[in-house]
Amino acid sequence: MSESKAIAKQLKQVAKVNQRGLANAEYAVGIVGVITFGGILIKLLKDPSFQKLLWDLIQWLLELIMKMLPM
C-alpha cells in the first residue's frame, strides 16, 4: 500500500471518530432543548390565566364541532 493511501485511510478513520463525537453533541443539544421546552410548558400549564385560556379554547372547539354534526 502506498504512503498516500495509508494516510487517506487514517484520515477517514479520524473523520469517523469525529462524526461520532459530533452526533453525541447534537443529541446533547437536542436533549437540552426538549428539557427547556418541557419546563416552559409546565410553567405555562400551572398558570391560572393560561389554564382559563386553554379551557375556553377547548370549549369553543367542542361547541364548533357540535354545531357541525348532523342532527
PDB file of N, CA and C in Angstrom:
ATOM      1  N   MET A   1       0.853  -1.172   0.000  1.00  0.00           N
ATOM      2  CA  MET A   1       0.000   0.000   0.000  1.00  0.00           C
ATOM      3  C   MET A   1       0.901   1.237   0.000  1.00  0.00           C
ATOM      4  N   SER A   2       0.582   2.159  -0.830  1.00  0.00           N
ATOM      5  CA  SER A   2       1.417   3.361  -0.910  1.00  0.00           C
ATOM      6  C   SER A   2       1.186   4.236   0.316  1.00  0.00           C
ATOM      7  N   GLU A   3       2.109   5.139   0.527  1.00  0.00           N
ATOM      8  CA  GLU A   3       2.040   6.002   1.708  1.00  0.00           C
ATOM      9  C   GLU A   3       0.820   6.923   1.651  1.00  0.00           C
ATOM     10  N   SER A   4       0.479   7.423   0.475  1.00  0.00           N
ATOM     11  CA  SER A   4      -0.669   8.334   0.348  1.00  0.00           C
ATOM     12  C   SER A   4      -1.979   7.597   0.639  1.00  0.00           C
ATOM     13  N   LYS A   5      -2.081   6.333   0.234  1.00  0.00           N
ATOM     14  CA  LYS A   5      -3.299   5.555   0.525  1.00  0.00           C
ATOM     15  C   LYS A   5      -3.414   5.288   2.021  1.00  0.00           C
ATOM     16  N   ALA A   6      -2.276   5.030   2.665  1.00  0.00           N
ATOM     17  CA  ALA A   6      -2.288   4.789   4.106  1.00  0.00           C
ATOM     18  C   ALA A   6      -2.726   6.041   4.852  1.00  0.00           C
ATOM     19  N   ILE A   7      -2.244   7.199   4.408  1.00  0.00           N
ATOM     20  CA  ILE A   7      -2.626   8.472   5.044  1.00  0.00           C
ATOM     21  C   ILE A   7      -4.117   8.735   4.827  1.00  0.00           C
ATOM     22  N   ALA A   8      -4.601   8.462   3.620  1.00  0.00           N
ATOM     23  CA  ALA A   8      -6.019   8.660   3.320  1.00  0.00           C
ATOM     24  C   ALA A   8      -6.877   7.756   4.205  1.00  0.00           C
ATOM     25  N   LYS A   9      -6.436   6.530   4.413  1.00  0.00           N
ATOM     26  CA  LYS A   9      -7.178   5.586   5.255  1.00  0.00           C
ATOM     27  C   LYS A   9      -7.225   6.088   6.700  1.00  0.00           C
ATOM     28  N   GLN A  10      -6.101   6.604   7.192  1.00  0.00           N
ATOM     29  CA  GLN A  10      -6.061   7.137   8.551  1.00  0.00           C
ATOM     30  C   GLN A  10      -6.968   8.358   8.700  1.00  0.00           C
ATOM     31  N   LEU A  11      -6.984   9.210   7.690  1.00  0.00           N
ATOM     32  CA  LEU A  11      -7.850  10.391   7.740  1.00  0.00           C
ATOM     33  C   LEU A  11      -9.324  10.003   7.776  1.00  0.00           C
ATOM     34  N   LYS A  12      -9.690   8.980   7.029  1.00  0.00           N
ATOM     35  CA  LYS A  12     -11.081   8.508   7.043  1.00  0.00           C
ATOM     36  C   LYS A  12     -11.454   7.990   8.421  1.00  0.00           C
ATOM     37  N   GLN A  13     -10.520   7.289   9.076  1.00  0.00           N
ATOM     38  CA  GLN A  13     -10.797   6.771  10.413  1.00  0.00           C
ATOM     39  C   GLN A  13     -10.965   7.912  11.416  1.00  0.00           C
ATOM     40  N   VAL A  14     -10.116   8.912  11.306  1.00  0.00           N
ATOM     41  CA  VAL A  14     -10.223  10.076  12.192  1.00  0.00           C
ATOM     42  C   VAL A  14     -11.552  10.793  11.953  1.00  0.00           C
ATOM     43  N   ALA A  15     -11.952  10.923  10.708  1.00  0.00           N
ATOM     44  CA  ALA A  15     -13.213  11.600  10.386  1.00  0.00           C
ATOM     45  C   ALA A  15     -14.395  10.841  10.989  1.00  0.00           C
ATOM     46  N   LYS A  16     -14.354   9.515  10.966  1.00  0.00           N
ATOM     47  CA  LYS A  16     -15.441   8.726  11.548  1.00  0.00           C
ATOM     48  C   LYS A  16     -15.533   8.963  13.048  1.00  0.00           C
ATOM     49  N   VAL A  17     -14.407   9.012  13.729  1.00  0.00           N
ATOM     50  CA  VAL A  17     -14.403   9.259  15.165  1.00  0.00           C
ATOM     51  C   VAL A  17     -14.959  10.649  15.458  1.00  0.00           C
ATOM     52  N   ASN A  18     -14.558  11.643  14.676  1.00  0.00           N
ATOM     53  CA  ASN A  18     -15.065  12.999  14.874  1.00  0.00           C
ATOM     54  C   ASN A  18     -16.567  13.061  14.643  1.00  0.00           C
ATOM     55  N   GLN A  19     -17.072  12.308  13.695  1.00  0.00           N
ATOM     56  CA  GLN A  19     -18.505  12.298  13.423  1.00  0.00           C
ATOM     57  C   GLN A  19     -19.268  11.724  14.613  1.00  0.00           C
ATOM     58  N   ARG A  20     -18.722  10.710  15.251  1.00  0.00           N
ATOM     59  CA  ARG A  20     -19.391  10.145  16.426  1.00  0.00           C
ATOM     60  C   ARG A  20     -19.488  11.188  17.527  1.00  0.00           C
ATOM     61  N   GLY A  21     -18.422  11.930  17.731  1.00  0.00           N
ATOM     62  CA  GLY A  21     -18.440  12.980  18.749  1.00  0.00           C
ATOM     63  C   GLY A  21     -19.432  14.070  18.409  1.00  0.00           C
ATOM     64  N   LEU A  22     -19.520  14.419  17.156  1.00  0.00           N
ATOM     65  CA  LEU A  22     -20.465  15.439  16.723  1.00  0.00           C
ATOM     66  C   LEU A  22     -21.892  14.965  16.943  1.00  0.00           C
ATOM     67  N   ALA A  23     -22.158  13.718  16.641  1.00  0.00           N
ATOM     68  CA  ALA A  23     -23.509  13.183  16.850  1.00  0.00           C
ATOM     69  C   ALA A  23     -23.873  13.245  18.328  1.00  0.00           C
ATOM     70  N   ASN A  24     -22.946  12.913  19.202  1.00  0.00           N
ATOM     71  CA  ASN A  24     -23.222  12.980  20.638  1.00  0.00           C
ATOM     72  C   ASN A  24     -23.522  14.416  21.061  1.00  0.00           C
ATOM     73  N   ALA A  25     -22.781  15.369  20.526  1.00  0.00           N
ATOM     74  CA  ALA A  25     -23.027  16.771  20.858  1.00  0.00           C
ATOM     75  C   ALA A  25     -24.405  17.210  20.355  1.00  0.00           C
ATOM     76  N   GLU A  26     -24.789  16.747  19.177  1.00  0.00           N
ATOM     77  CA  GLU A  26     -26.107  17.097  18.641  1.00  0.00           C
ATOM     78  C   GLU A  26     -27.214  16.520  19.512  1.00  0.00           C
ATOM     79  N   TYR A  27     -27.035  15.290  19.985  1.00  0.00           N
ATOM     80  CA  TYR A  27     -28.024  14.696  20.889  1.00  0.00           C
ATOM     81  C   TYR A  27     -28.120  15.500  22.184  1.00  0.00           C
ATOM     82  N   ALA A  28     -26.982  15.922  22.698  1.00  0.00           N
ATOM     83  CA  ALA A  28     -26.976  16.693  23.944  1.00  0.00           C
ATOM     84  C   ALA A  28     -27.729  18.006  23.768  1.00  0.00           C
ATOM     85  N   VAL A  29     -27.499  18.686  22.662  1.00  0.00           N
ATOM     86  CA  VAL A  29     -28.203  19.944  22.402  1.00  0.00           C
ATOM     87  C   VAL A  29     -29.706  19.684  22.258  1.00  0.00           C
ATOM     88  N   GLY A  30     -30.062  18.609  21.590  1.00  0.00           N
ATOM     89  CA  GLY A  30     -31.477  18.253  21.442  1.00  0.00           C
ATOM     90  C   GLY A  30     -32.137  17.966  22.772  1.00  0.00           C
ATOM     91  N   ILE A  31     -31.437  17.243  23.640  1.00  0.00           N
ATOM     92  CA  ILE A  31     -31.992  16.917  24.958  1.00  0.00           C
ATOM     93  C   ILE A  31     -32.183  18.184  25.792  1.00  0.00           C
ATOM     94  N   VAL A  32     -31.217  19.071  25.751  1.00  0.00           N
ATOM     95  CA  VAL A  32     -31.344  20.333  26.491  1.00  0.00           C
ATOM     96  C   VAL A  32     -32.534  21.128  25.963  1.00  0.00           C
ATOM     97  N   GLY A  33     -32.722  21.134  24.646  1.00  0.00           N
ATOM     98  CA  GLY A  33     -33.859  21.839  24.060  1.00  0.00           C
ATOM     99  C   GLY A  33     -35.190  21.254  24.503  1.00  0.00           C
ATOM    100  N   VAL A  34     -35.286  19.939  24.528  1.00  0.00           N
ATOM    101  CA  VAL A  34     -36.530  19.282  24.940  1.00  0.00           C
ATOM    102  C   VAL A  34     -36.828  19.559  26.410  1.00  0.00           C
ATOM    103  N   ILE A  35     -35.809  19.495  27.239  1.00  0.00           N
ATOM    104  CA  ILE A  35     -35.998  19.763  28.672  1.00  0.00           C
ATOM    105  C   ILE A  35     -36.435  21.211  28.887  1.00  0.00           C
ATOM    106  N   THR A  36     -35.836  22.130  28.158  1.00  0.00           N
ATOM    107  CA  THR A  36     -36.213  23.541  28.268  1.00  0.00           C
ATOM    108  C   THR A  36     -37.659  23.749  27.840  1.00  0.00           C
ATOM    109  N   PHE A  37     -38.040  23.147  26.711  1.00  0.00           N
ATOM    110  CA  PHE A  37     -39.414  23.263  26.222  1.00  0.00           C
ATOM    111  C   PHE A  37     -40.391  22.672  27.237  1.00  0.00           C
ATOM    112  N   GLY A  38     -40.032  21.528  27.816  1.00  0.00           N
ATOM    113  CA  GLY A  38     -40.890  20.907  28.820  1.00  0.00           C
ATOM    114  C   GLY A  38     -41.058  21.791  30.046  1.00  0.00           C
ATOM    115  N   GLY A  39     -39.974  22.423  30.483  1.00  0.00           N
ATOM    116  CA  GLY A  39     -40.061  23.318  31.629  1.00  0.00           C
ATOM    117  C   GLY A  39     -40.964  24.513  31.366  1.00  0.00           C
ATOM    118  N   ILE A  40     -40.855  25.070  30.177  1.00  0.00           N
ATOM    119  CA  ILE A  40     -41.714  26.201  29.811  1.00  0.00           C
ATOM    120  C   ILE A  40     -43.172  25.757  29.752  1.00  0.00           C
ATOM    121  N   LEU A  41     -43.408  24.581  29.189  1.00  0.00           N
ATOM    122  CA  LEU A  41     -44.774  24.065  29.087  1.00  0.00           C
ATOM    123  C   LEU A  41     -45.381  23.833  30.470  1.00  0.00           C
ATOM    124  N   ILE A  42     -44.600  23.258  31.375  1.00  0.00           N
ATOM    125  CA  ILE A  42     -45.084  23.037  32.739  1.00  0.00           C
ATOM    126  C   ILE A  42     -45.403  24.372  33.410  1.00  0.00           C
ATOM    127  N   LYS A  43     -44.517  25.339  33.232  1.00  0.00           N
ATOM    128  CA  LYS A  43     -44.737  26.664  33.824  1.00  0.00           C
ATOM    129  C   LYS A  43     -46.033  27.286  33.287  1.00  0.00           C
ATOM    130  N   LEU A  44     -46.257  27.164  31.981  1.00  0.00           N
ATOM    131  CA  LEU A  44     -47.477  27.711  31.384  1.00  0.00           C
ATOM    132  C   LEU A  44     -48.721  27.002  31.898  1.00  0.00           C
ATOM    133  N   LEU A  45     -48.673  25.676  31.975  1.00  0.00           N
ATOM    134  CA  LEU A  45     -49.848  24.917  32.375  1.00  0.00           C
ATOM    135  C   LEU A  45     -50.221  25.137  33.840  1.00  0.00           C
ATOM    136  N   LYS A  46     -49.292  25.597  34.652  1.00  0.00           N
ATOM    137  CA  LYS A  46     -49.590  25.886  36.055  1.00  0.00           C
ATOM    138  C   LYS A  46     -50.151  27.292  36.253  1.00  0.00           C
ATOM    139  N   ASP A  47     -50.064  28.125  35.238  1.00  0.00           N
ATOM    140  CA  ASP A  47     -50.543  29.495  35.327  1.00  0.00           C
ATOM    141  C   ASP A  47     -52.067  29.523  35.173  1.00  0.00           C
ATOM    142  N   PRO A  48     -52.801  30.059  36.163  1.00  0.00           N
ATOM    143  CA  PRO A  48     -54.264  30.061  36.102  1.00  0.00           C
ATOM    144  C   PRO A  48     -54.835  30.780  34.876  1.00  0.00           C
ATOM    145  N   SER A  49     -54.227  31.879  34.454  1.00  0.00           N
ATOM    146  CA  SER A  49     -54.765  32.590  33.292  1.00  0.00           C
ATOM    147  C   SER A  49     -54.583  31.766  32.017  1.00  0.00           C
ATOM    148  N   PHE A  50     -53.476  31.051  31.916  1.00  0.00           N
ATOM    149  CA  PHE A  50     -53.266  30.184  30.751  1.00  0.00           C
ATOM    150  C   PHE A  50     -54.235  29.004  30.794  1.00  0.00           C
ATOM    151  N   GLN A  51     -54.486  28.467  31.991  1.00  0.00           N
ATOM    152  CA  GLN A  51     -55.446  27.371  32.126  1.00  0.00           C
ATOM    153  C   GLN A  51     -56.829  27.807  31.662  1.00  0.00           C
ATOM    154  N   LYS A  52     -57.217  29.025  32.045  1.00  0.00           N
ATOM    155  CA  LYS A  52     -58.536  29.527  31.618  1.00  0.00           C
ATOM    156  C   LYS A  52     -58.580  29.704  30.103  1.00  0.00           C
ATOM    157  N   LEU A  53     -57.521  30.252  29.544  1.00  0.00           N
ATOM    158  CA  LEU A  53     -57.455  30.435  28.096  1.00  0.00           C
ATOM    159  C   LEU A  53     -57.554  29.089  27.375  1.00  0.00           C
ATOM    160  N   LEU A  54     -56.832  28.114  27.874  1.00  0.00           N
ATOM    161  CA  LEU A  54     -56.859  26.780  27.278  1.00  0.00           C
ATOM    162  C   LEU A  54     -58.242  26.148  27.409  1.00  0.00           C
ATOM    163  N   TRP A  55     -58.873  26.300  28.569  1.00  0.00           N
ATOM    164  CA  TRP A  55     -60.207  25.739  28.795  1.00  0.00           C
ATOM    165  C   TRP A  55     -61.236  26.414  27.876  1.00  0.00           C
ATOM    166  N   ASP A  56     -61.143  27.727  27.724  1.00  0.00           N
ATOM    167  CA  ASP A  56     -62.050  28.444  26.821  1.00  0.00           C
ATOM    168  C   ASP A  56     -61.871  27.976  25.377  1.00  0.00           C
ATOM    169  N   LEU A  57     -60.634  27.743  24.980  1.00  0.00           N
ATOM    170  CA  LEU A  57     -60.358  27.256  23.628  1.00  0.00           C
ATOM    171  C   LEU A  57     -60.962  25.866  23.417  1.00  0.00           C
ATOM    172  N   ILE A  58     -60.801  24.994  24.393  1.00  0.00           N
ATOM    173  CA  ILE A  58     -61.361  23.641  24.287  1.00  0.00           C
ATOM    174  C   ILE A  58     -62.880  23.700  24.199  1.00  0.00           C
ATOM    175  N   GLN A  59     -63.500  24.529  25.032  1.00  0.00           N
ATOM    176  CA  GLN A  59     -64.960  24.657  24.982  1.00  0.00           C
ATOM    177  C   GLN A  59     -65.423  25.197  23.634  1.00  0.00           C
ATOM    178  N   TRP A  60     -64.723  26.192  23.112  1.00  0.00           N
ATOM    179  CA  TRP A  60     -65.085  26.757  21.813  1.00  0.00           C
ATOM    180  C   TRP A  60     -64.984  25.705  20.708  1.00  0.00           C
ATOM    181  N   LEU A  61     -63.896  24.920  20.744  1.00  0.00           N
ATOM    182  CA  LEU A  61     -63.739  23.868  19.730  1.00  0.00           C
ATOM    183  C   LEU A  61     -64.836  22.810  19.830  1.00  0.00           C
ATOM    184  N   LEU A  62     -65.181  22.430  21.045  1.00  0.00           N
ATOM    185  CA  LEU A  62     -66.253  21.436  21.216  1.00  0.00           C
ATOM    186  C   LEU A  62     -67.597  21.981  20.725  1.00  0.00           C
ATOM    187  N   GLU A  63     -67.881  23.245  21.015  1.00  0.00           N
ATOM    188  CA  GLU A  63     -69.123  23.853  20.521  1.00  0.00           C
ATOM    189  C   GLU A  63     -69.150  23.906  18.998  1.00  0.00           C
ATOM    190  N   LEU A  64     -68.012  24.217  18.416  1.00  0.00           N
ATOM    191  CA  LEU A  64     -67.909  24.268  16.957  1.00  0.00           C
ATOM    192  C   LEU A  64     -68.159  22.885  16.342  1.00  0.00           C
ATOM    193  N   ILE A  65     -67.573  21.873  16.947  1.00  0.00           N
ATOM    194  CA  ILE A  65     -67.753  20.501  16.455  1.00  0.00           C
ATOM    195  C   ILE A  65     -69.210  20.080  16.592  1.00  0.00           C
ATOM    196  N   MET A  66     -69.820  20.410  17.730  1.00  0.00           N
ATOM    197  CA  MET A  66     -71.222  20.035  17.952  1.00  0.00           C
ATOM    198  C   MET A  66     -72.157  20.699  16.949  1.00  0.00           C
ATOM    199  N   LYS A  67     -71.850  21.931  16.549  1.00  0.00           N
ATOM    200  CA  LYS A  67     -72.667  22.630  15.565  1.00  0.00           C
ATOM    201  C   LYS A  67     -72.529  21.990  14.184  1.00  0.00           C
ATOM    202  N   MET A  68     -71.361  21.398  13.909  1.00  0.00           N
ATOM    203  CA  MET A  68     -71.113  20.818  12.586  1.00  0.00           C
ATOM    204  C   MET A  68     -71.701  19.416  12.446  1.00  0.00           C
ATOM    205  N   LEU A  69     -71.994  18.761  13.552  1.00  0.00           N
ATOM    206  CA  LEU A  69     -72.530  17.400  13.484  1.00  0.00           C
ATOM    207  C   LEU A  69     -73.967  17.426  12.995  1.00  0.00           C
ATOM    208  N   PRO A  70     -74.334  16.480  12.121  1.00  0.00           N
ATOM    209  CA  PRO A  70     -75.743  16.427  11.669  1.00  0.00           C
ATOM    210  C   PRO A  70     -76.639  15.926  12.793  1.00  0.00           C
ATOM    211  N   MET A  71     -77.784  16.518  12.903  1.00  0.00           N
ATOM    212  CA  MET A  71     -78.742  16.119  13.943  1.00  0.00           C
ATOM    213  C   MET A  71     -79.863  15.359  13.334  1.00  0.00           C
TER     214      MET A  71
END
